[in-house]
């Protein structure tokens, strides 16, 4: 039985899932600064900055949502701070 172990499976550019998570977490600091300065950041800008790596892109959006940002939807493809 073949089992996919996320710690050793290579994703884009030969990185493991854990390495991709670390990259996404590290990139989020820069994205948060851009959101603070511009009030929003489009999904396209994030995708360009992660080098079109789909896994890191998705993890970045996930971590931004966990940190309290509105990541939008398919009709509003942008990330911004929640307004209370």
N, C-alpha and C. Protein backbone atom coordinates (compact mmCIF):
# COMPACT_ATOMS: atom_id res chain seq x y z
N UNK A 1 0.85 -1.18 0.00
CA UNK A 1 0.00 0.00 0.00
C UNK A 1 0.89 1.24 0.00
N UNK A 2 0.72 2.11 -0.98
CA UNK A 2 1.48 3.35 -1.06
C UNK A 2 0.75 4.46 -0.32
N UNK A 3 1.45 5.12 0.56
CA UNK A 3 0.88 6.22 1.32
C UNK A 3 1.72 7.46 1.04
N UNK A 4 1.04 8.56 0.81
CA UNK A 4 1.74 9.82 0.54
C UNK A 4 2.08 10.49 1.87
N UNK A 5 3.33 10.53 2.20
CA UNK A 5 3.80 11.17 3.43
C UNK A 5 4.09 12.63 3.12
N UNK A 6 3.33 13.55 3.72
CA UNK A 6 3.47 14.97 3.41
C UNK A 6 4.83 15.53 3.82
N UNK A 7 5.53 14.87 4.71
CA UNK A 7 6.83 15.38 5.13
C UNK A 7 7.91 15.11 4.10
N UNK A 8 7.71 14.10 3.24
CA UNK A 8 8.75 13.75 2.29
C UNK A 8 8.32 13.91 0.84
N UNK A 9 7.04 14.10 0.57
CA UNK A 9 6.57 14.25 -0.80
C UNK A 9 7.04 15.58 -1.37
N UNK A 10 7.60 15.56 -2.56
CA UNK A 10 8.11 16.80 -3.17
C UNK A 10 7.00 17.50 -3.94
N UNK A 11 6.86 18.78 -3.67
CA UNK A 11 5.94 19.61 -4.41
C UNK A 11 6.75 20.42 -5.42
N UNK A 12 6.20 21.53 -5.88
CA UNK A 12 6.90 22.34 -6.88
C UNK A 12 8.30 22.70 -6.39
N UNK A 13 9.25 22.63 -7.26
CA UNK A 13 10.66 22.94 -6.99
C UNK A 13 11.27 22.01 -5.94
N UNK A 14 10.69 20.82 -5.75
CA UNK A 14 11.26 19.82 -4.85
C UNK A 14 11.11 20.12 -3.37
N UNK A 15 10.19 21.01 -2.99
CA UNK A 15 10.00 21.36 -1.58
C UNK A 15 8.98 20.42 -0.95
N UNK A 16 9.16 20.14 0.33
CA UNK A 16 8.17 19.36 1.06
C UNK A 16 7.04 20.27 1.51
N UNK A 17 5.94 19.66 1.98
CA UNK A 17 4.80 20.43 2.44
C UNK A 17 5.19 21.34 3.61
N UNK A 18 5.99 20.81 4.53
CA UNK A 18 6.41 21.62 5.68
C UNK A 18 7.27 22.81 5.25
N UNK A 19 8.11 22.64 4.25
CA UNK A 19 8.90 23.75 3.73
C UNK A 19 8.00 24.79 3.09
N UNK A 20 6.97 24.35 2.37
CA UNK A 20 6.03 25.27 1.75
C UNK A 20 5.27 26.07 2.81
N UNK A 21 4.89 25.41 3.91
CA UNK A 21 4.22 26.11 5.01
C UNK A 21 5.11 27.19 5.59
N UNK A 22 6.37 26.89 5.79
CA UNK A 22 7.30 27.87 6.35
C UNK A 22 7.49 29.06 5.40
N UNK A 23 7.60 28.78 4.13
CA UNK A 23 7.74 29.85 3.13
C UNK A 23 6.52 30.76 3.18
N UNK A 24 5.32 30.16 3.21
CA UNK A 24 4.08 30.93 3.25
C UNK A 24 4.00 31.79 4.51
N UNK A 25 4.35 31.22 5.65
CA UNK A 25 4.33 31.99 6.90
C UNK A 25 5.30 33.15 6.85
N UNK A 26 6.47 32.93 6.29
CA UNK A 26 7.48 34.00 6.19
C UNK A 26 7.04 35.10 5.23
N UNK A 27 6.36 34.74 4.16
CA UNK A 27 5.93 35.74 3.18
C UNK A 27 4.76 36.57 3.70
N UNK A 28 3.99 36.03 4.64
CA UNK A 28 2.81 36.73 5.15
C UNK A 28 3.15 38.06 5.82
N UNK A 29 4.31 38.16 6.45
CA UNK A 29 4.69 39.43 7.06
C UNK A 29 4.70 40.54 6.02
N UNK A 30 5.32 40.29 4.88
CA UNK A 30 5.37 41.28 3.81
C UNK A 30 3.99 41.60 3.25
N UNK A 31 3.15 40.58 3.14
CA UNK A 31 1.79 40.81 2.64
C UNK A 31 0.99 41.66 3.62
N UNK A 32 1.17 41.44 4.91
CA UNK A 32 0.46 42.23 5.92
C UNK A 32 0.87 43.69 5.84
N UNK A 33 2.15 43.95 5.63
CA UNK A 33 2.63 45.33 5.49
C UNK A 33 2.00 45.97 4.27
N UNK A 34 1.95 45.25 3.16
CA UNK A 34 1.34 45.80 1.94
C UNK A 34 -0.14 46.08 2.14
N UNK A 35 -0.84 45.20 2.85
CA UNK A 35 -2.27 45.41 3.11
C UNK A 35 -2.46 46.64 3.98
N UNK A 36 -1.61 46.82 4.99
CA UNK A 36 -1.70 48.00 5.85
C UNK A 36 -1.48 49.28 5.05
N UNK A 37 -0.53 49.27 4.13
CA UNK A 37 -0.20 50.46 3.35
C UNK A 37 -1.22 50.77 2.26
N UNK A 38 -1.73 49.72 1.60
CA UNK A 38 -2.63 49.90 0.46
C UNK A 38 -4.09 49.64 0.79
N UNK A 39 -4.39 49.20 2.00
CA UNK A 39 -5.73 48.84 2.47
C UNK A 39 -6.25 47.53 1.86
N UNK A 40 -5.63 47.03 0.82
CA UNK A 40 -6.03 45.75 0.23
C UNK A 40 -4.90 45.22 -0.64
N UNK A 41 -5.01 43.94 -0.97
CA UNK A 41 -4.02 43.29 -1.83
C UNK A 41 -4.76 42.27 -2.68
N UNK A 42 -4.61 42.34 -3.98
CA UNK A 42 -5.35 41.44 -4.85
C UNK A 42 -4.73 40.05 -4.86
N UNK A 43 -5.55 39.06 -5.17
CA UNK A 43 -5.08 37.68 -5.27
C UNK A 43 -4.00 37.56 -6.33
N UNK A 44 -4.13 38.32 -7.41
CA UNK A 44 -3.16 38.27 -8.50
C UNK A 44 -1.79 38.74 -8.02
N UNK A 45 -1.76 39.79 -7.22
CA UNK A 45 -0.49 40.28 -6.68
C UNK A 45 0.16 39.23 -5.79
N UNK A 46 -0.64 38.55 -4.98
CA UNK A 46 -0.09 37.50 -4.12
C UNK A 46 0.45 36.36 -4.97
N UNK A 47 -0.30 35.95 -5.97
CA UNK A 47 0.12 34.85 -6.85
C UNK A 47 1.43 35.20 -7.56
N UNK A 48 1.57 36.44 -8.01
CA UNK A 48 2.81 36.87 -8.65
C UNK A 48 3.98 36.82 -7.67
N UNK A 49 3.76 37.27 -6.44
CA UNK A 49 4.85 37.34 -5.47
C UNK A 49 5.29 35.98 -4.95
N UNK A 50 4.40 34.97 -5.02
CA UNK A 50 4.79 33.62 -4.58
C UNK A 50 5.33 32.80 -5.75
N UNK A 51 5.53 33.44 -6.89
CA UNK A 51 6.12 32.76 -8.04
C UNK A 51 5.19 31.76 -8.68
N UNK A 52 3.89 32.01 -8.62
CA UNK A 52 2.87 31.14 -9.21
C UNK A 52 2.93 29.72 -8.66
N UNK A 53 3.36 29.59 -7.41
CA UNK A 53 3.37 28.30 -6.73
C UNK A 53 2.02 28.17 -6.03
N UNK A 54 1.16 27.29 -6.55
CA UNK A 54 -0.22 27.19 -6.10
C UNK A 54 -0.33 26.79 -4.62
N UNK A 55 0.51 25.88 -4.17
CA UNK A 55 0.45 25.44 -2.78
C UNK A 55 0.80 26.58 -1.82
N UNK A 56 1.87 27.29 -2.10
CA UNK A 56 2.26 28.42 -1.24
C UNK A 56 1.20 29.51 -1.29
N UNK A 57 0.61 29.73 -2.45
CA UNK A 57 -0.46 30.72 -2.61
C UNK A 57 -1.65 30.37 -1.72
N UNK A 58 -2.08 29.13 -1.75
CA UNK A 58 -3.22 28.71 -0.95
C UNK A 58 -2.91 28.75 0.54
N UNK A 59 -1.71 28.34 0.91
CA UNK A 59 -1.31 28.40 2.31
C UNK A 59 -1.23 29.84 2.80
N UNK A 60 -0.77 30.73 1.94
CA UNK A 60 -0.68 32.15 2.29
C UNK A 60 -2.07 32.71 2.60
N UNK A 61 -3.04 32.40 1.74
CA UNK A 61 -4.41 32.86 1.98
C UNK A 61 -4.96 32.26 3.27
N UNK A 62 -4.67 30.99 3.51
CA UNK A 62 -5.12 30.33 4.73
C UNK A 62 -4.57 31.03 5.97
N UNK A 63 -3.28 31.32 5.97
CA UNK A 63 -2.65 31.96 7.13
C UNK A 63 -3.13 33.39 7.31
N UNK A 64 -3.39 34.10 6.21
CA UNK A 64 -3.93 35.46 6.32
C UNK A 64 -5.32 35.41 6.95
N UNK A 65 -6.14 34.45 6.55
CA UNK A 65 -7.48 34.29 7.14
C UNK A 65 -7.36 33.99 8.63
N UNK A 66 -6.43 33.11 9.00
CA UNK A 66 -6.22 32.78 10.41
C UNK A 66 -5.76 33.99 11.23
N UNK A 67 -5.07 34.91 10.58
CA UNK A 67 -4.58 36.11 11.26
C UNK A 67 -5.61 37.24 11.29
N UNK A 68 -6.83 36.95 10.82
CA UNK A 68 -7.91 37.94 10.93
C UNK A 68 -8.14 38.81 9.72
N UNK A 69 -7.67 38.41 8.57
CA UNK A 69 -7.88 39.18 7.35
C UNK A 69 -9.04 38.59 6.55
N UNK A 70 -9.76 39.45 5.85
CA UNK A 70 -10.83 39.03 4.95
C UNK A 70 -10.16 38.67 3.63
N UNK A 71 -10.18 37.38 3.25
CA UNK A 71 -9.48 36.97 2.03
C UNK A 71 -10.38 37.04 0.79
N UNK A 72 -11.61 37.54 0.94
CA UNK A 72 -12.48 37.73 -0.21
C UNK A 72 -13.07 36.43 -0.73
N UNK A 73 -13.54 36.49 -1.98
CA UNK A 73 -14.12 35.32 -2.65
C UNK A 73 -13.95 35.49 -4.15
N UNK A 74 -14.62 34.63 -4.93
CA UNK A 74 -14.42 34.68 -6.38
C UNK A 74 -14.97 35.96 -7.01
N UNK A 75 -15.88 36.65 -6.33
CA UNK A 75 -16.42 37.90 -6.86
C UNK A 75 -15.61 39.11 -6.40
N UNK A 76 -14.95 38.98 -5.25
CA UNK A 76 -14.10 40.05 -4.72
C UNK A 76 -12.74 39.43 -4.40
N UNK A 77 -11.88 39.23 -5.41
CA UNK A 77 -10.60 38.54 -5.21
C UNK A 77 -9.51 39.44 -4.64
N UNK A 78 -9.70 39.83 -3.37
CA UNK A 78 -8.71 40.68 -2.72
C UNK A 78 -8.69 40.39 -1.22
N UNK A 79 -7.57 40.69 -0.60
CA UNK A 79 -7.40 40.51 0.84
C UNK A 79 -7.38 41.89 1.48
N UNK A 80 -8.14 42.03 2.57
CA UNK A 80 -8.16 43.30 3.30
C UNK A 80 -8.43 43.02 4.76
N UNK A 81 -8.22 44.00 5.59
CA UNK A 81 -8.48 43.84 7.03
C UNK A 81 -9.99 43.84 7.27
N UNK A 82 -10.40 43.03 8.26
CA UNK A 82 -11.80 43.08 8.66
C UNK A 82 -12.09 44.42 9.30
N UNK A 83 -13.20 45.00 8.96
CA UNK A 83 -13.60 46.28 9.54
C UNK A 83 -14.70 45.97 10.55
N UNK A 84 -14.44 46.31 11.80
CA UNK A 84 -15.41 46.04 12.87
C UNK A 84 -16.25 47.22 13.17
